[in-house]
Amino acid sequence: RAPFLLPAQSGLRRNLDQWFEEQGVKPHIVGEFVDAALLTMFGEAGEGYFAAPTFLEPDLQRKYKVKKVGKIATIKERYYAISPARQTKHPAVVEIISEAQNIFNE
């Protein structure tokens, strides 16, 4: 019955709902958010638990002073980088792809 903050209408939300059902967990949903930053701010204010991608953990802990209380290893999110050219040249896109490859190859 712990308070939980959930994203509204997303792949993560569907995965969390399915995981809760499989585990027999009935979270006390205190907020549903379209905006992930707003959800995080409510979490920072202590309004409830929330799920976030593992790779964001260091940033969330530093910026919002939140702590990880667990990990759901069975939930995975997919991210796609789409470029009109076969070879990416923009430095930001190259960095995103490089970081993603590092994370998923660990």
PDB file of N, CA and C in Angstrom:
ATOM      1  N   ARG A   1       0.814  -1.208   0.000  1.00  0.00           N
ATOM      2  CA  ARG A   1       0.000   0.000   0.000  1.00  0.00           C
ATOM      3  C   ARG A   1       0.854   1.267   0.000  1.00  0.00           C
ATOM      4  N   ALA A   2       2.123   1.142  -0.333  1.00  0.00           N
ATOM      5  CA  ALA A   2       2.985   2.329  -0.403  1.00  0.00           C
ATOM      6  C   ALA A   2       2.543   3.216  -1.557  1.00  0.00           C
ATOM      7  N   PRO A   3       2.658   4.528  -1.421  1.00  0.00           N
ATOM      8  CA  PRO A   3       2.259   5.443  -2.500  1.00  0.00           C
ATOM      9  C   PRO A   3       3.174   5.274  -3.708  1.00  0.00           C
ATOM     10  N   PHE A   4       2.565   5.235  -4.895  1.00  0.00           N
ATOM     11  CA  PHE A   4       3.338   5.039  -6.121  1.00  0.00           C
ATOM     12  C   PHE A   4       2.932   6.073  -7.150  1.00  0.00           C
ATOM     13  N   LEU A   5       3.944   6.618  -7.828  1.00  0.00           N
ATOM     14  CA  LEU A   5       3.742   7.582  -8.907  1.00  0.00           C
ATOM     15  C   LEU A   5       3.989   6.848 -10.215  1.00  0.00           C
ATOM     16  N   LEU A   6       3.052   6.934 -11.143  1.00  0.00           N
ATOM     17  CA  LEU A   6       3.167   6.177 -12.384  1.00  0.00           C
ATOM     18  C   LEU A   6       3.109   7.077 -13.609  1.00  0.00           C
ATOM     19  N   PRO A   7       3.815   6.662 -14.658  1.00  0.00           N
ATOM     20  CA  PRO A   7       3.656   7.368 -15.920  1.00  0.00           C
ATOM     21  C   PRO A   7       2.296   7.018 -16.512  1.00  0.00           C
ATOM     22  N   ALA A   8       1.718   7.952 -17.243  1.00  0.00           N
ATOM     23  CA  ALA A   8       0.418   7.701 -17.887  1.00  0.00           C
ATOM     24  C   ALA A   8       0.643   7.239 -19.323  1.00  0.00           C
ATOM     25  N   GLN A   9      -0.067   6.235 -19.722  1.00  0.00           N
ATOM     26  CA  GLN A   9      -0.107   5.801 -21.119  1.00  0.00           C
ATOM     27  C   GLN A   9       1.263   5.707 -21.776  1.00  0.00           C
ATOM     28  N   SER A  10       2.066   4.756 -21.344  1.00  0.00           N
ATOM     29  CA  SER A  10       3.375   4.539 -21.959  1.00  0.00           C
ATOM     30  C   SER A  10       3.700   3.058 -21.918  1.00  0.00           C
ATOM     31  N   GLY A  11       4.746   2.697 -22.650  1.00  0.00           N
ATOM     32  CA  GLY A  11       5.203   1.315 -22.606  1.00  0.00           C
ATOM     33  C   GLY A  11       5.633   0.921 -21.211  1.00  0.00           C
ATOM     34  N   LEU A  12       6.303   1.851 -20.528  1.00  0.00           N
ATOM     35  CA  LEU A  12       6.718   1.578 -19.152  1.00  0.00           C
ATOM     36  C   LEU A  12       5.510   1.340 -18.266  1.00  0.00           C
ATOM     37  N   ARG A  13       4.471   2.117 -18.440  1.00  0.00           N
ATOM     38  CA  ARG A  13       3.261   1.950 -17.629  1.00  0.00           C
ATOM     39  C   ARG A  13       2.651   0.570 -17.846  1.00  0.00           C
ATOM     40  N   ARG A  14       2.540   0.159 -19.102  1.00  0.00           N
ATOM     41  CA  ARG A  14       1.982  -1.173 -19.387  1.00  0.00           C
ATOM     42  C   ARG A  14       2.837  -2.269 -18.745  1.00  0.00           C
ATOM     43  N   ASN A  15       4.158  -2.119 -18.848  1.00  0.00           N
ATOM     44  CA  ASN A  15       5.059  -3.109 -18.253  1.00  0.00           C
ATOM     45  C   ASN A  15       4.946  -3.135 -16.736  1.00  0.00           C
ATOM     46  N   LEU A  16       4.838  -1.966 -16.124  1.00  0.00           N
ATOM     47  CA  LEU A  16       4.687  -1.908 -14.666  1.00  0.00           C
ATOM     48  C   LEU A  16       3.364  -2.522 -14.233  1.00  0.00           C
ATOM     49  N   ASP A  17       2.276  -2.188 -14.931  1.00  0.00           N
ATOM     50  CA  ASP A  17       0.972  -2.767 -14.595  1.00  0.00           C
ATOM     51  C   ASP A  17       1.016  -4.288 -14.676  1.00  0.00           C
ATOM     52  N   GLN A  18       1.643  -4.801 -15.726  1.00  0.00           N
ATOM     53  CA  GLN A  18       1.754  -6.258 -15.890  1.00  0.00           C
ATOM     54  C   GLN A  18       2.599  -6.864 -14.775  1.00  0.00           C
ATOM     55  N   TRP A  19       3.710  -6.215 -14.431  1.00  0.00           N
ATOM     56  CA  TRP A  19       4.579  -6.725 -13.375  1.00  0.00           C
ATOM     57  C   TRP A  19       3.854  -6.725 -12.030  1.00  0.00           C
ATOM     58  N   PHE A  20       3.145  -5.627 -11.720  1.00  0.00           N
ATOM     59  CA  PHE A  20       2.380  -5.572 -10.469  1.00  0.00           C
ATOM     60  C   PHE A  20       1.387  -6.727 -10.399  1.00  0.00           C
ATOM     61  N   GLU A  21       0.688  -6.973 -11.500  1.00  0.00           N
ATOM     62  CA  GLU A  21      -0.307  -8.047 -11.530  1.00  0.00           C
ATOM     63  C   GLU A  21       0.347  -9.407 -11.327  1.00  0.00           C
ATOM     64  N   GLU A  22       1.460  -9.654 -12.021  1.00  0.00           N
ATOM     65  CA  GLU A  22       2.173 -10.932 -11.887  1.00  0.00           C
ATOM     66  C   GLU A  22       2.659 -11.165 -10.458  1.00  0.00           C
ATOM     67  N   GLN A  23       3.043 -10.093  -9.784  1.00  0.00           N
ATOM     68  CA  GLN A  23       3.566 -10.201  -8.420  1.00  0.00           C
ATOM     69  C   GLN A  23       2.472 -10.173  -7.364  1.00  0.00           C
ATOM     70  N   GLY A  24       1.254  -9.884  -7.773  1.00  0.00           N
ATOM     71  CA  GLY A  24       0.165  -9.761  -6.814  1.00  0.00           C
ATOM     72  C   GLY A  24       0.258  -8.480  -5.999  1.00  0.00           C
ATOM     73  N   VAL A  25       0.903  -7.475  -6.557  1.00  0.00           N
ATOM     74  CA  VAL A  25       1.088  -6.196  -5.876  1.00  0.00           C
ATOM     75  C   VAL A  25      -0.011  -5.240  -6.320  1.00  0.00           C
ATOM     76  N   LYS A  26      -0.625  -4.582  -5.354  1.00  0.00           N
ATOM     77  CA  LYS A  26      -1.656  -3.586  -5.647  1.00  0.00           C
ATOM     78  C   LYS A  26      -1.154  -2.241  -5.131  1.00  0.00           C
ATOM     79  N   PRO A  27      -0.440  -1.509  -6.001  1.00  0.00           N
ATOM     80  CA  PRO A  27       0.126  -0.235  -5.530  1.00  0.00           C
ATOM     81  C   PRO A  27      -0.966   0.794  -5.251  1.00  0.00           C
ATOM     82  N   HIS A  28      -0.699   1.652  -4.311  1.00  0.00           N
ATOM     83  CA  HIS A  28      -1.592   2.765  -4.006  1.00  0.00           C
ATOM     84  C   HIS A  28      -1.153   3.919  -4.913  1.00  0.00           C
ATOM     85  N   ILE A  29      -1.817   4.070  -6.049  1.00  0.00           N
ATOM     86  CA  ILE A  29      -1.432   5.061  -7.044  1.00  0.00           C
ATOM     87  C   ILE A  29      -1.900   6.438  -6.578  1.00  0.00           C
ATOM     88  N   VAL A  30      -0.912   7.318  -6.334  1.00  0.00           N
ATOM     89  CA  VAL A  30      -1.236   8.666  -5.858  1.00  0.00           C
ATOM     90  C   VAL A  30      -1.072   9.709  -6.955  1.00  0.00           C
ATOM     91  N   GLY A  31      -0.536   9.312  -8.095  1.00  0.00           N
ATOM     92  CA  GLY A  31      -0.383  10.245  -9.197  1.00  0.00           C
ATOM     93  C   GLY A  31      -0.032   9.540 -10.481  1.00  0.00           C
ATOM     94  N   GLU A  32      -0.576  10.057 -11.590  1.00  0.00           N
ATOM     95  CA  GLU A  32      -0.245   9.568 -12.927  1.00  0.00           C
ATOM     96  C   GLU A  32       0.196  10.770 -13.744  1.00  0.00           C
ATOM     97  N   PHE A  33       1.332  10.653 -14.408  1.00  0.00           N
ATOM     98  CA  PHE A  33       1.967  11.799 -15.049  1.00  0.00           C
ATOM     99  C   PHE A  33       2.286  11.537 -16.512  1.00  0.00           C
ATOM    100  N   VAL A  34       2.017  12.523 -17.344  1.00  0.00           N
ATOM    101  CA  VAL A  34       2.425  12.489 -18.743  1.00  0.00           C
ATOM    102  C   VAL A  34       3.870  12.975 -18.848  1.00  0.00           C
ATOM    103  N   ASP A  35       4.249  13.877 -17.979  1.00  0.00           N
ATOM    104  CA  ASP A  35       5.575  14.496 -17.988  1.00  0.00           C
ATOM    105  C   ASP A  35       6.487  13.781 -16.982  1.00  0.00           C
ATOM    106  N   ALA A  36       7.550  13.141 -17.482  1.00  0.00           N
ATOM    107  CA  ALA A  36       8.466  12.393 -16.616  1.00  0.00           C
ATOM    108  C   ALA A  36       9.179  13.298 -15.620  1.00  0.00           C
ATOM    109  N   ALA A  37       9.506  14.515 -16.034  1.00  0.00           N
ATOM    110  CA  ALA A  37      10.192  15.440 -15.119  1.00  0.00           C
ATOM    111  C   ALA A  37       9.287  15.809 -13.946  1.00  0.00           C
ATOM    112  N   LEU A  38       8.009  16.010 -14.213  1.00  0.00           N
ATOM    113  CA  LEU A  38       7.069  16.339 -13.145  1.00  0.00           C
ATOM    114  C   LEU A  38       6.912  15.155 -12.192  1.00  0.00           C
ATOM    115  N   LEU A  39       6.832  13.956 -12.742  1.00  0.00           N
ATOM    116  CA  LEU A  39       6.755  12.744 -11.923  1.00  0.00           C
ATOM    117  C   LEU A  39       7.968  12.674 -10.998  1.00  0.00           C
ATOM    118  N   THR A  40       9.152  12.932 -11.541  1.00  0.00           N
ATOM    119  CA  THR A  40      10.383  12.885 -10.761  1.00  0.00           C
ATOM    120  C   THR A  40      10.384  13.931  -9.650  1.00  0.00           C
ATOM    121  N   MET A  41       9.856  15.106  -9.953  1.00  0.00           N
ATOM    122  CA  MET A  41       9.803  16.157  -8.931  1.00  0.00           C
ATOM    123  C   MET A  41       8.882  15.763  -7.778  1.00  0.00           C
ATOM    124  N   PHE A  42       7.779  15.103  -8.080  1.00  0.00           N
ATOM    125  CA  PHE A  42       6.899  14.619  -7.019  1.00  0.00           C
ATOM    126  C   PHE A  42       7.608  13.542  -6.197  1.00  0.00           C
ATOM    127  N   GLY A  43       8.389  12.704  -6.874  1.00  0.00           N
ATOM    128  CA  GLY A  43       9.182  11.707  -6.157  1.00  0.00           C
ATOM    129  C   GLY A  43      10.201  12.359  -5.245  1.00  0.00           C
ATOM    130  N   GLU A  44      10.850  13.397  -5.742  1.00  0.00           N
ATOM    131  CA  GLU A  44      11.824  14.134  -4.940  1.00  0.00           C
ATOM    132  C   GLU A  44      11.165  14.733  -3.701  1.00  0.00           C
ATOM    133  N   ALA A  45       9.929  15.183  -3.843  1.00  0.00           N
ATOM    134  CA  ALA A  45       9.206  15.790  -2.720  1.00  0.00           C
ATOM    135  C   ALA A  45       8.700  14.744  -1.730  1.00  0.00           C
ATOM    136  N   GLY A  46       8.956  13.460  -2.022  1.00  0.00           N
ATOM    137  CA  GLY A  46       8.555  12.410  -1.096  1.00  0.00           C
ATOM    138  C   GLY A  46       7.108  11.974  -1.226  1.00  0.00           C
ATOM    139  N   GLU A  47       6.494  12.270  -2.363  1.00  0.00           N
ATOM    140  CA  GLU A  47       5.081  11.938  -2.552  1.00  0.00           C
ATOM    141  C   GLU A  47       4.842  10.476  -2.917  1.00  0.00           C
ATOM    142  N   GLY A  48       5.886   9.751  -3.287  1.00  0.00           N
ATOM    143  CA  GLY A  48       5.697   8.344  -3.610  1.00  0.00           C
ATOM    144  C   GLY A  48       6.898   7.748  -4.310  1.00  0.00           C
ATOM    145  N   TYR A  49       6.858   6.436  -4.458  1.00  0.00           N
ATOM    146  CA  TYR A  49       7.881   5.708  -5.186  1.00  0.00           C
ATOM    147  C   TYR A  49       7.614   5.861  -6.673  1.00  0.00           C
ATOM    148  N   PHE A  50       8.664   5.720  -7.485  1.00  0.00           N
ATOM    149  CA  PHE A  50       8.484   5.776  -8.932  1.00  0.00           C
ATOM    150  C   PHE A  50       9.551   4.918  -9.604  1.00  0.00           C
ATOM    151  N   ALA A  51       9.274   4.512 -10.817  1.00  0.00           N
ATOM    152  CA  ALA A  51      10.209   3.706 -11.596  1.00  0.00           C
ATOM    153  C   ALA A  51      10.955   4.606 -12.570  1.00  0.00           C
ATOM    154  N   ALA A  52      12.217   4.286 -12.781  1.00  0.00           N
ATOM    155  CA  ALA A  52      13.037   5.027 -13.736  1.00  0.00           C
ATOM    156  C   ALA A  52      14.063   4.074 -14.336  1.00  0.00           C
ATOM    157  N   PRO A  53      14.521   4.359 -15.536  1.00  0.00           N
ATOM    158  CA  PRO A  53      15.550   3.508 -16.150  1.00  0.00           C
ATOM    159  C   PRO A  53      16.828   3.484 -15.308  1.00  0.00           C
ATOM    160  N   THR A  54      17.455   2.332 -15.261  1.00  0.00           N
ATOM    161  CA  THR A  54      18.674   2.145 -14.468  1.00  0.00           C
ATOM    162  C   THR A  54      19.760   3.132 -14.848  1.00  0.00           C
ATOM    163  N   PHE A  55      19.894   3.418 -16.133  1.00  0.00           N
ATOM    164  CA  PHE A  55      20.980   4.301 -16.547  1.00  0.00           C
ATOM    165  C   PHE A  55      20.801   5.734 -16.036  1.00  0.00           C
ATOM    166  N   LEU A  56      19.588   6.085 -15.592  1.00  0.00           N
ATOM    167  CA  LEU A  56      19.364   7.418 -15.038  1.00  0.00           C
ATOM    168  C   LEU A  56      19.646   7.493 -13.535  1.00  0.00           C
ATOM    169  N   GLU A  57      19.888   6.361 -12.915  1.00  0.00           N
ATOM    170  CA  GLU A  57      20.045   6.317 -11.460  1.00  0.00           C
ATOM    171  C   GLU A  57      21.062   7.316 -10.910  1.00  0.00           C
ATOM    172  N   PRO A  58      22.298   7.371 -11.429  1.00  0.00           N
ATOM    173  CA  PRO A  58      23.254   8.334 -10.862  1.00  0.00           C
ATOM    174  C   PRO A  58      22.778   9.788 -10.993  1.00  0.00           C
ATOM    175  N   ASP A  59      22.197  10.118 -12.126  1.00  0.00           N
ATOM    176  CA  ASP A  59      21.721  11.476 -12.348  1.00  0.00           C
ATOM    177  C   ASP A  59      20.550  11.808 -11.416  1.00  0.00           C
ATOM    178  N   LEU A  60      19.619  10.878 -11.251  1.00  0.00           N
ATOM    179  CA  LEU A  60      18.472  11.100 -10.372  1.00  0.00           C
ATOM    180  C   LEU A  60      18.917  11.263  -8.923  1.00  0.00           C
ATOM    181  N   GLN A  61      19.872  10.445  -8.497  1.00  0.00           N
ATOM    182  CA  GLN A  61      20.357  10.544  -7.126  1.00  0.00           C
ATOM    183  C   GLN A  61      21.057  11.872  -6.887  1.00  0.00           C
ATOM    184  N   ARG A  62      21.820  12.330  -7.868  1.00  0.00           N
ATOM    185  CA  ARG A  62      22.555  13.581  -7.721  1.00  0.00           C
ATOM    186  C   ARG A  62      21.621  14.788  -7.777  1.00  0.00           C
ATOM    187  N   LYS A  63      20.768  14.833  -8.786  1.00  0.00           N
ATOM    188  CA  LYS A  63      19.916  16.007  -8.996  1.00  0.00           C
ATOM    189  C   LYS A  63      18.742  16.083  -8.028  1.00  0.00           C
ATOM    190  N   TYR A  64      18.109  14.930  -7.781  1.00  0.00           N
ATOM    191  CA  TYR A  64      16.852  14.948  -7.036  1.00  0.00           C
ATOM    192  C   TYR A  64      16.960  14.365  -5.630  1.00  0.00           C
ATOM    193  N   LYS A  65      18.135  13.881  -5.271  1.00  0.00           N
ATOM    194  CA  LYS A  65      18.371  13.336  -3.932  1.00  0.00           C
ATOM    195  C   LYS A  65      17.406  12.186  -3.598  1.00  0.00           C
ATOM    196  N   VAL A  66      17.124  11.352  -4.597  1.00  0.00           N
ATOM    197  CA  VAL A  66      16.285  10.177  -4.367  1.00  0.00           C
ATOM    198  C   VAL A  66      17.182   8.955  -4.244  1.00  0.00           C
ATOM    199  N   LYS A  67      16.648   7.879  -3.693  1.00  0.00           N
ATOM    200  CA  LYS A  67      17.413   6.650  -3.498  1.00  0.00           C
ATOM    201  C   LYS A  67      16.708   5.481  -4.167  1.00  0.00           C
ATOM    202  N   LYS A  68      17.502   4.585  -4.690  1.00  0.00           N
ATOM    203  CA  LYS A  68      16.958   3.360  -5.286  1.00  0.00           C
ATOM    204  C   LYS A  68      16.535   2.421  -4.160  1.00  0.00           C
ATOM    205  N   VAL A  69      15.332   1.869  -4.279  1.00  0.00           N
ATOM    206  CA  VAL A  69      14.859   0.917  -3.279  1.00  0.00           C
ATOM    207  C   VAL A  69      14.734  -0.489  -3.858  1.00  0.00           C
ATOM    208  N   GLY A  70      14.917  -0.621  -5.159  1.00  0.00           N
ATOM    209  CA  GLY A  70      14.832  -1.924  -5.773  1.00  0.00           C
ATOM    210  C   GLY A  70      15.034  -1.847  -7.267  1.00  0.00           C
ATOM    211  N   LYS A  71      15.052  -3.013  -7.889  1.00  0.00           N
ATOM    212  CA  LYS A  71      15.243  -3.096  -9.326  1.00  0.00           C
ATOM    213  C   LYS A  71      14.336  -4.182  -9.878  1.00  0.00           C
ATOM    214  N   ILE A  72      13.654  -3.868 -10.961  1.00  0.00           N
ATOM    215  CA  ILE A  72      12.814  -4.854 -11.638  1.00  0.00           C
ATOM    216  C   ILE A  72      13.567  -5.276 -12.893  1.00  0.00           C
ATOM    217  N   ALA A  73      14.309  -6.358 -12.795  1.00  0.00           N
ATOM    218  CA  ALA A  73      15.181  -6.784 -13.886  1.00  0.00           C
ATOM    219  C   ALA A  73      14.419  -7.252 -15.120  1.00  0.00           C
ATOM    220  N   THR A  74      13.163  -7.612 -14.954  1.00  0.00           N
ATOM    221  CA  THR A  74      12.410  -8.156 -16.089  1.00  0.00           C
ATOM    222  C   THR A  74      11.807  -7.072 -16.981  1.00  0.00           C
ATOM    223  N   ILE A  75      11.815  -5.828 -16.536  1.00  0.00           N
ATOM    224  CA  ILE A  75      11.254  -4.750 -17.357  1.00  0.00           C
ATOM    225  C   ILE A  75      12.385  -4.067 -18.112  1.00  0.00           C
ATOM    226  N   LYS A  76      12.240  -4.033 -19.414  1.00  0.00           N
ATOM    227  CA  LYS A  76      13.229  -3.402 -20.291  1.00  0.00           C
ATOM    228  C   LYS A  76      12.522  -2.359 -21.148  1.00  0.00           C
ATOM    229  N   GLU A  77      13.191  -1.249 -21.378  1.00  0.00           N
ATOM    230  CA  GLU A  77      12.664  -0.235 -22.291  1.00  0.00           C
ATOM    231  C   GLU A  77      13.563  -0.190 -23.508  1.00  0.00           C
ATOM    232  N   ARG A  78      12.968   0.142 -24.639  1.00  0.00           N
ATOM    233  CA  ARG A  78      13.738   0.247 -25.878  1.00  0.00           C
ATOM    234  C   ARG A  78      13.792   1.706 -26.300  1.00  0.00           C
ATOM    235  N   TYR A  79      14.959   2.084 -26.754  1.00  0.00           N
ATOM    236  CA  TYR A  79      15.169   3.433 -27.258  1.00  0.00           C
ATOM    237  C   TYR A  79      15.710   3.322 -28.677  1.00  0.00           C
ATOM    238  N   TYR A  80      15.280   4.204 -29.524  1.00  0.00           N
ATOM    239  CA  TYR A  80      15.711   4.182 -30.913  1.00  0.00           C
ATOM    240  C   TYR A  80      16.280   5.534 -31.297  1.00  0.00           C
ATOM    241  N   ALA A  81      17.380   5.517 -32.031  1.00  0.00           N
ATOM    242  CA  ALA A  81      17.941   6.730 -32.617  1.00  0.00           C
ATOM    243  C   ALA A  81      17.758   6.588 -34.125  1.00  0.00           C
ATOM    244  N   ILE A  82      17.018   7.491 -34.710  1.00  0.00           N
ATOM    245  CA  ILE A  82      16.718   7.421 -36.132  1.00  0.00           C
ATOM    246  C   ILE A  82      17.412   8.580 -36.828  1.00  0.00           C
ATOM    247  N   SER A  83      18.147   8.248 -37.858  1.00  0.00           N
ATOM    248  CA  SER A  83      18.897   9.269 -38.580  1.00  0.00           C
ATOM    249  C   SER A  83      18.607   9.136 -40.076  1.00  0.00           C
ATOM    250  N   PRO A  84      18.472  10.266 -40.788  1.00  0.00           N
ATOM    251  CA  PRO A  84      18.202  10.175 -42.219  1.00  0.00           C
ATOM    252  C   PRO A  84      19.412   9.678 -43.014  1.00  0.00           C
ATOM    253  N   ALA A  85      20.591   9.797 -42.455  1.00  0.00           N
ATOM    254  CA  ALA A  85      21.801   9.337 -43.145  1.00  0.00           C
ATOM    255  C   ALA A  85      22.238   7.996 -42.575  1.00  0.00           C
ATOM    256  N   ARG A  86      22.918   7.219 -43.394  1.00  0.00           N
ATOM    257  CA  ARG A  86      23.409   5.925 -42.912  1.00  0.00           C
ATOM    258  C   ARG A  86      24.487   6.093 -41.853  1.00  0.00           C
ATOM    259  N   GLN A  87      25.270   7.123 -41.978  1.00  0.00           N
ATOM    260  CA  GLN A  87      26.323   7.374 -40.995  1.00  0.00           C
ATOM    261  C   GLN A  87      25.955   8.621 -40.196  1.00  0.00           C
ATOM    262  N   THR A  88      25.951   8.459 -38.895  1.00  0.00           N
ATOM    263  CA  THR A  88      25.619   9.603 -38.041  1.00  0.00           C
ATOM    264  C   THR A  88      26.852  10.468 -37.881  1.00  0.00           C
ATOM    265  N   LYS A  89      26.659  11.761 -38.007  1.00  0.00           N
ATOM    266  CA  LYS A  89      27.785  12.688 -37.914  1.00  0.00           C
ATOM    267  C   LYS A  89      27.601  13.722 -36.809  1.00  0.00           C
ATOM    268  N   HIS A  90      26.361  13.953 -36.431  1.00  0.00           N
ATOM    269  CA  HIS A  90      26.133  14.978 -35.413  1.00  0.00           C
ATOM    270  C   HIS A  90      26.720  14.488 -34.089  1.00  0.00           C
ATOM    271  N   PRO A  91      27.541  15.313 -33.430  1.00  0.00           N
ATOM    272  CA  PRO A  91      28.216  14.887 -32.195  1.00  0.00           C
ATOM    273  C   PRO A  91      27.266  14.402 -31.101  1.00  0.00           C
ATOM    274  N   ALA A  92      26.110  15.031 -30.971  1.00  0.00           N
ATOM    275  CA  ALA A  92      25.165  14.616 -29.922  1.00  0.00           C
ATOM    276  C   ALA A  92      24.616  13.223 -30.218  1.00  0.00           C
ATOM    277  N   VAL A  93      24.277  12.958 -31.480  1.00  0.00           N
ATOM    278  CA  VAL A  93      23.746  11.647 -31.850  1.00  0.00           C
ATOM    279  C   VAL A  93      24.819  10.579 -31.688  1.00  0.00           C
ATOM    280  N   VAL A  94      26.047  10.895 -32.094  1.00  0.00           N
ATOM    281  CA  VAL A  94      27.161   9.951 -31.937  1.00  0.00           C
ATOM    282  C   VAL A  94      27.350   9.610 -30.452  1.00  0.00           C
ATOM    283  N   GLU A  95      27.280  10.607 -29.580  1.00  0.00           N
ATOM    284  CA  GLU A  95      27.453  10.383 -28.132  1.00  0.00           C
ATOM    285  C   GLU A  95      26.327   9.535 -27.558  1.00  0.00           C
ATOM    286  N   ILE A  96      25.096   9.819 -27.957  1.00  0.00           N
ATOM    287  CA  ILE A  96      23.949   9.033 -27.480  1.00  0.00           C
ATOM    288  C   ILE A  96      24.096   7.576 -27.887  1.00  0.00           C
ATOM    289  N   ILE A  97      24.442   7.335 -29.123  1.00  0.00           N
ATOM    290  CA  ILE A  97      24.603   5.960 -29.611  1.00  0.00           C
ATOM    291  C   ILE A  97      25.736   5.259 -28.877  1.00  0.00           C
ATOM    292  N   SER A  98      26.845   5.960 -28.676  1.00  0.00           N
ATOM    293  CA  SER A  98      27.989   5.387 -27.972  1.00  0.00           C
ATOM    294  C   SER A  98      27.633   5.008 -26.545  1.00  0.00           C
ATOM    295  N   GLU A  99      26.957   5.910 -25.832  1.00  0.00           N
ATOM    296  CA  GLU A  99      26.558   5.635 -24.451  1.00  0.00           C
ATOM    297  C   GLU A  99      25.571   4.475 -24.385  1.00  0.00           C
ATOM    298  N   ALA A 100      24.629   4.454 -25.307  1.00  0.00           N
ATOM    299  CA  ALA A 100      23.638   3.368 -25.327  1.00  0.00           C
ATOM    300  C   ALA A 100      24.322   2.028 -25.558  1.00  0.00           C
ATOM    301  N   GLN A 101      25.263   1.997 -26.467  1.00  0.00           N
ATOM    302  CA  GLN A 101      25.990   0.743 -26.730  1.00  0.00           C
ATOM    303  C   GLN A 101      26.763   0.303 -25.497  1.00  0.00           C
ATOM    304  N   ASN A 102      27.386   1.242 -24.785  1.00  0.00           N
ATOM    305  CA  ASN A 102      28.109   0.917 -23.558  1.00  0.00           C
ATOM    306  C   ASN A 102      27.178   0.330 -22.506  1.00  0.00           C
ATOM    307  N   ILE A 103      26.028   0.940 -22.342  1.00  0.00           N
ATOM    308  CA  ILE A 103      25.069   0.490 -21.326  1.00  0.00           C
ATOM    309  C   ILE A 103      24.561  -0.904 -21.655  1.00  0.00           C
ATOM    310  N   PHE A 104      24.176  -1.117 -22.907  1.00  0.00           N
ATOM    311  CA  PHE A 104      23.562  -2.391 -23.261  1.00  0.00           C
ATOM    312  C   PHE A 104      24.568  -3.506 -23.464  1.00  0.00           C
ATOM    313  N   ASN A 105      25.837  -3.183 -23.538  1.00  0.00           N
ATOM    314  CA  ASN A 105      26.865  -4.208 -23.678  1.00  0.00           C
ATOM    315  C   ASN A 105      27.472  -4.596 -22.332  1.00  0.00           C
ATOM    316  N   GLU A 106      27.031  -3.932 -21.259  1.00  0.00           N
ATOM    317  CA  GLU A 106      27.560  -4.245 -19.917  1.00  0.00           C
ATOM    318  C   GLU A 106      27.006  -5.551 -19.410  1.00  0.00           C
TER     319      GLU A 106
END
